[in-house]
Amino acid sequence: MKNSSTKAAATILLSAALLTLSACTSSSTKHAGNIDSIRNNPSPAMHNLSQRYSDRSNTRALVIDTDLRSMQDDFDHIFHLNRPSRLHSNIKPN
């Protein structure tokens, strides 16, 4: 019993050591561990100080959508299309 648990523990330790040694390898010369790539662009995913390209695209899409829907509401208010006319005496309930 003790011999099989010792072999299992040794196997687990050996595989953990192999995984640890092979987990952080890279064949590329331009990777996150290269100090020159970090110095040249310390925040590669950022488009401005607080947003990535995808964040800015999402914000633009939200702003355009909100603005267009607001303009439709404004159009309805300007041309009095947001409620029925009150010019006649026969007012119908909504």
N, C-alpha and C. Protein backbone atom coordinates (compact mmCIF):
# COMPACT_ATOMS: atom_id res chain seq x y z
N MET A 1 0.82 -1.19 0.00
CA MET A 1 0.00 0.00 0.00
C MET A 1 0.87 1.26 0.00
N LYS A 2 1.88 1.24 0.88
CA LYS A 2 2.74 2.41 0.98
C LYS A 2 3.56 2.60 -0.30
N ASN A 3 3.96 1.52 -0.92
CA ASN A 3 4.76 1.58 -2.13
C ASN A 3 3.96 2.19 -3.29
N SER A 4 2.68 1.85 -3.44
CA SER A 4 1.87 2.40 -4.54
C SER A 4 1.55 3.88 -4.31
N SER A 5 1.34 4.28 -3.06
CA SER A 5 1.08 5.69 -2.79
C SER A 5 2.34 6.53 -2.99
N THR A 6 3.50 5.94 -2.71
CA THR A 6 4.76 6.64 -2.94
C THR A 6 5.00 6.83 -4.44
N LYS A 7 4.69 5.78 -5.23
CA LYS A 7 4.84 5.89 -6.68
C LYS A 7 3.87 6.93 -7.25
N ALA A 8 2.65 6.96 -6.74
CA ALA A 8 1.66 7.93 -7.22
C ALA A 8 2.10 9.35 -6.88
N ALA A 9 2.61 9.54 -5.66
CA ALA A 9 3.07 10.86 -5.26
C ALA A 9 4.27 11.30 -6.10
N ALA A 10 5.18 10.37 -6.38
CA ALA A 10 6.35 10.70 -7.20
C ALA A 10 5.92 11.04 -8.62
N THR A 11 4.94 10.32 -9.15
CA THR A 11 4.45 10.60 -10.50
C THR A 11 3.80 11.98 -10.57
N ILE A 12 3.02 12.29 -9.56
CA ILE A 12 2.36 13.60 -9.52
C ILE A 12 3.39 14.72 -9.42
N LEU A 13 4.38 14.57 -8.57
CA LEU A 13 5.43 15.58 -8.43
C LEU A 13 6.24 15.74 -9.71
N LEU A 14 6.56 14.62 -10.37
CA LEU A 14 7.32 14.68 -11.60
C LEU A 14 6.53 15.38 -12.70
N SER A 15 5.25 15.04 -12.84
CA SER A 15 4.44 15.70 -13.88
C SER A 15 4.22 17.17 -13.55
N ALA A 16 4.08 17.53 -12.28
CA ALA A 16 3.95 18.95 -11.92
C ALA A 16 5.23 19.71 -12.24
N ALA A 17 6.38 19.09 -12.02
CA ALA A 17 7.65 19.74 -12.34
C ALA A 17 7.80 19.93 -13.84
N LEU A 18 7.42 18.93 -14.62
CA LEU A 18 7.50 19.06 -16.08
C LEU A 18 6.56 20.13 -16.60
N LEU A 19 5.34 20.19 -16.06
CA LEU A 19 4.39 21.22 -16.48
C LEU A 19 4.88 22.62 -16.11
N THR A 20 5.49 22.75 -14.96
CA THR A 20 6.02 24.03 -14.52
C THR A 20 7.14 24.51 -15.45
N LEU A 21 7.99 23.60 -15.86
CA LEU A 21 9.10 23.97 -16.72
C LEU A 21 8.66 24.29 -18.15
N SER A 22 7.59 23.67 -18.61
CA SER A 22 7.17 23.88 -19.99
C SER A 22 6.06 24.90 -20.16
N ALA A 23 5.50 25.41 -19.09
CA ALA A 23 4.33 26.28 -19.19
C ALA A 23 4.67 27.67 -19.71
N CYS A 24 5.83 28.19 -19.47
CA CYS A 24 6.13 29.57 -19.81
C CYS A 24 7.14 29.69 -20.95
N THR A 25 7.15 28.75 -21.85
CA THR A 25 8.09 28.85 -22.95
C THR A 25 7.46 29.56 -24.13
N SER A 26 8.29 30.23 -24.90
CA SER A 26 7.82 30.92 -26.09
C SER A 26 8.91 30.90 -27.13
N SER A 27 8.54 30.61 -28.37
CA SER A 27 9.54 30.57 -29.43
C SER A 27 9.69 31.93 -30.10
N SER A 28 8.78 32.85 -29.83
CA SER A 28 8.81 34.17 -30.45
C SER A 28 9.78 35.09 -29.71
N THR A 29 10.42 35.99 -30.47
CA THR A 29 11.31 36.95 -29.82
C THR A 29 10.53 38.15 -29.30
N LYS A 30 9.32 38.38 -29.81
CA LYS A 30 8.48 39.50 -29.36
C LYS A 30 7.33 38.95 -28.53
N HIS A 31 7.55 38.70 -27.29
CA HIS A 31 6.48 38.26 -26.40
C HIS A 31 6.47 39.13 -25.16
N ALA A 32 5.55 38.86 -24.28
CA ALA A 32 5.35 39.73 -23.12
C ALA A 32 6.58 39.81 -22.22
N GLY A 33 7.44 38.80 -22.26
CA GLY A 33 8.62 38.82 -21.41
C GLY A 33 9.77 39.62 -22.00
N ASN A 34 9.66 40.04 -23.24
CA ASN A 34 10.71 40.81 -23.89
C ASN A 34 10.62 42.26 -23.40
N ILE A 35 11.66 42.73 -22.74
CA ILE A 35 11.63 44.05 -22.11
C ILE A 35 11.50 45.17 -23.14
N ASP A 36 12.05 44.98 -24.35
CA ASP A 36 11.94 46.03 -25.38
C ASP A 36 10.50 46.20 -25.85
N SER A 37 9.78 45.08 -25.98
CA SER A 37 8.38 45.20 -26.40
C SER A 37 7.54 45.88 -25.32
N ILE A 38 7.89 45.67 -24.07
CA ILE A 38 7.15 46.32 -22.98
C ILE A 38 7.49 47.81 -22.94
N ARG A 39 8.75 48.16 -23.15
CA ARG A 39 9.14 49.57 -23.14
C ARG A 39 8.54 50.34 -24.31
N ASN A 40 8.46 49.71 -25.48
CA ASN A 40 7.92 50.39 -26.65
C ASN A 40 6.42 50.61 -26.56
N ASN A 41 5.70 49.68 -25.97
CA ASN A 41 4.25 49.80 -25.86
C ASN A 41 3.78 49.12 -24.56
N PRO A 42 3.80 49.85 -23.43
CA PRO A 42 3.46 49.24 -22.15
C PRO A 42 2.00 48.81 -22.04
N SER A 43 1.12 49.38 -22.83
CA SER A 43 -0.29 48.99 -22.79
C SER A 43 -0.78 48.74 -24.22
N PRO A 44 -0.45 47.59 -24.79
CA PRO A 44 -0.73 47.36 -26.20
C PRO A 44 -2.21 47.28 -26.54
N ALA A 45 -3.04 46.90 -25.61
CA ALA A 45 -4.47 46.73 -25.91
C ALA A 45 -5.25 48.03 -25.75
N MET A 46 -4.67 49.05 -25.16
CA MET A 46 -5.40 50.27 -24.87
C MET A 46 -5.37 51.22 -26.06
N HIS A 47 -6.52 51.85 -26.33
CA HIS A 47 -6.61 52.81 -27.44
C HIS A 47 -6.39 54.23 -26.92
N ASN A 48 -6.93 54.52 -25.75
CA ASN A 48 -6.65 55.80 -25.09
C ASN A 48 -6.34 55.48 -23.64
N LEU A 49 -6.48 56.44 -22.74
CA LEU A 49 -6.05 56.19 -21.36
C LEU A 49 -6.93 55.18 -20.60
N SER A 50 -8.18 55.04 -21.00
CA SER A 50 -9.05 54.18 -20.21
C SER A 50 -9.82 53.14 -21.00
N GLN A 51 -9.70 53.11 -22.33
CA GLN A 51 -10.51 52.19 -23.13
C GLN A 51 -9.69 51.47 -24.18
N ARG A 52 -10.14 50.23 -24.47
CA ARG A 52 -9.56 49.47 -25.58
C ARG A 52 -10.32 49.83 -26.85
N TYR A 53 -9.88 49.31 -28.00
CA TYR A 53 -10.55 49.57 -29.27
C TYR A 53 -11.99 49.07 -29.21
N SER A 54 -12.19 47.87 -28.65
CA SER A 54 -13.54 47.31 -28.58
C SER A 54 -14.44 48.13 -27.65
N ASP A 55 -13.88 48.67 -26.56
CA ASP A 55 -14.68 49.52 -25.66
C ASP A 55 -15.14 50.78 -26.38
N ARG A 56 -14.24 51.39 -27.15
CA ARG A 56 -14.62 52.61 -27.88
C ARG A 56 -15.66 52.30 -28.94
N SER A 57 -15.53 51.17 -29.62
CA SER A 57 -16.52 50.78 -30.63
C SER A 57 -17.88 50.55 -30.00
N ASN A 58 -17.89 49.90 -28.85
CA ASN A 58 -19.15 49.67 -28.14
C ASN A 58 -19.78 50.98 -27.70
N THR A 59 -18.97 51.91 -27.22
CA THR A 59 -19.50 53.21 -26.79
C THR A 59 -20.07 53.98 -27.98
N ARG A 60 -19.35 53.96 -29.11
CA ARG A 60 -19.86 54.65 -30.30
C ARG A 60 -21.19 54.06 -30.76
N ALA A 61 -21.29 52.74 -30.77
CA ALA A 61 -22.54 52.09 -31.19
C ALA A 61 -23.69 52.47 -30.25
N LEU A 62 -23.41 52.50 -28.95
CA LEU A 62 -24.44 52.87 -27.97
C LEU A 62 -24.86 54.32 -28.14
N VAL A 63 -23.91 55.21 -28.36
CA VAL A 63 -24.21 56.63 -28.53
C VAL A 63 -25.03 56.87 -29.79
N ILE A 64 -24.63 56.23 -30.89
CA ILE A 64 -25.37 56.41 -32.14
C ILE A 64 -26.79 55.89 -32.01
N ASP A 65 -26.94 54.73 -31.39
CA ASP A 65 -28.28 54.16 -31.19
C ASP A 65 -29.14 55.06 -30.33
N THR A 66 -28.58 55.54 -29.22
CA THR A 66 -29.33 56.42 -28.32
C THR A 66 -29.69 57.74 -29.01
N ASP A 67 -28.74 58.31 -29.74
CA ASP A 67 -29.01 59.58 -30.44
C ASP A 67 -30.09 59.43 -31.49
N LEU A 68 -30.06 58.36 -32.26
CA LEU A 68 -31.08 58.17 -33.28
C LEU A 68 -32.48 57.98 -32.68
N ARG A 69 -32.54 57.22 -31.59
CA ARG A 69 -33.85 57.04 -30.94
C ARG A 69 -34.33 58.34 -30.31
N SER A 70 -33.42 59.13 -29.76
CA SER A 70 -33.80 60.43 -29.20
C SER A 70 -34.26 61.39 -30.28
N MET A 71 -33.61 61.35 -31.44
CA MET A 71 -34.03 62.23 -32.53
C MET A 71 -35.44 61.85 -33.01
N GLN A 72 -35.77 60.57 -33.01
CA GLN A 72 -37.12 60.17 -33.39
C GLN A 72 -38.14 60.69 -32.39
N ASP A 73 -37.80 60.63 -31.10
CA ASP A 73 -38.69 61.20 -30.08
C ASP A 73 -38.83 62.71 -30.26
N ASP A 74 -37.73 63.39 -30.53
CA ASP A 74 -37.77 64.83 -30.76
C ASP A 74 -38.63 65.17 -31.98
N PHE A 75 -38.48 64.40 -33.04
CA PHE A 75 -39.29 64.60 -34.24
C PHE A 75 -40.78 64.48 -33.90
N ASP A 76 -41.13 63.45 -33.12
CA ASP A 76 -42.54 63.27 -32.71
C ASP A 76 -43.04 64.45 -31.89
N HIS A 77 -42.21 64.98 -31.00
CA HIS A 77 -42.61 66.13 -30.19
C HIS A 77 -42.75 67.40 -31.03
N ILE A 78 -41.82 67.61 -31.94
CA ILE A 78 -41.85 68.82 -32.76
C ILE A 78 -43.10 68.87 -33.62
N PHE A 79 -43.45 67.75 -34.23
CA PHE A 79 -44.60 67.71 -35.13
C PHE A 79 -45.87 67.21 -34.45
N HIS A 80 -45.85 67.20 -33.12
CA HIS A 80 -47.01 66.83 -32.30
C HIS A 80 -47.57 65.46 -32.68
N LEU A 81 -46.68 64.52 -32.88
CA LEU A 81 -47.09 63.16 -33.21
C LEU A 81 -47.01 62.24 -32.00
N ASN A 82 -46.70 62.80 -30.86
CA ASN A 82 -46.56 61.99 -29.66
C ASN A 82 -47.87 61.80 -28.90
N ARG A 83 -48.93 62.51 -29.30
CA ARG A 83 -50.25 62.36 -28.66
C ARG A 83 -51.32 62.84 -29.64
N PRO A 84 -52.56 62.47 -29.41
CA PRO A 84 -53.64 62.91 -30.31
C PRO A 84 -53.88 64.41 -30.20
N SER A 85 -54.46 64.97 -31.23
CA SER A 85 -54.76 66.39 -31.25
C SER A 85 -55.87 66.72 -30.25
N ARG A 86 -55.80 67.90 -29.65
CA ARG A 86 -56.83 68.35 -28.71
C ARG A 86 -57.65 69.49 -29.30
N LEU A 87 -57.67 69.63 -30.61
CA LEU A 87 -58.34 70.74 -31.26
C LEU A 87 -59.85 70.55 -31.40
N HIS A 88 -60.33 69.37 -31.28
CA HIS A 88 -61.78 69.16 -31.44
C HIS A 88 -62.41 68.91 -30.08
N SER A 89 -63.71 69.06 -30.00
CA SER A 89 -64.41 68.96 -28.73
C SER A 89 -64.73 67.52 -28.35
N ASN A 90 -64.66 66.61 -29.27
CA ASN A 90 -64.97 65.22 -29.02
C ASN A 90 -63.67 64.49 -28.63
N ILE A 91 -63.30 64.61 -27.38
CA ILE A 91 -62.05 64.02 -26.90
C ILE A 91 -62.30 62.57 -26.55
N LYS A 92 -61.51 61.69 -27.11
CA LYS A 92 -61.64 60.26 -26.85
C LYS A 92 -60.61 59.87 -25.79
N PRO A 93 -61.03 58.98 -24.90
CA PRO A 93 -60.06 58.55 -23.87
C PRO A 93 -58.95 57.69 -24.50
N ASN A 94 -57.79 57.73 -23.90
CA ASN A 94 -56.66 56.96 -24.42
C ASN A 94 -56.76 55.51 -24.09
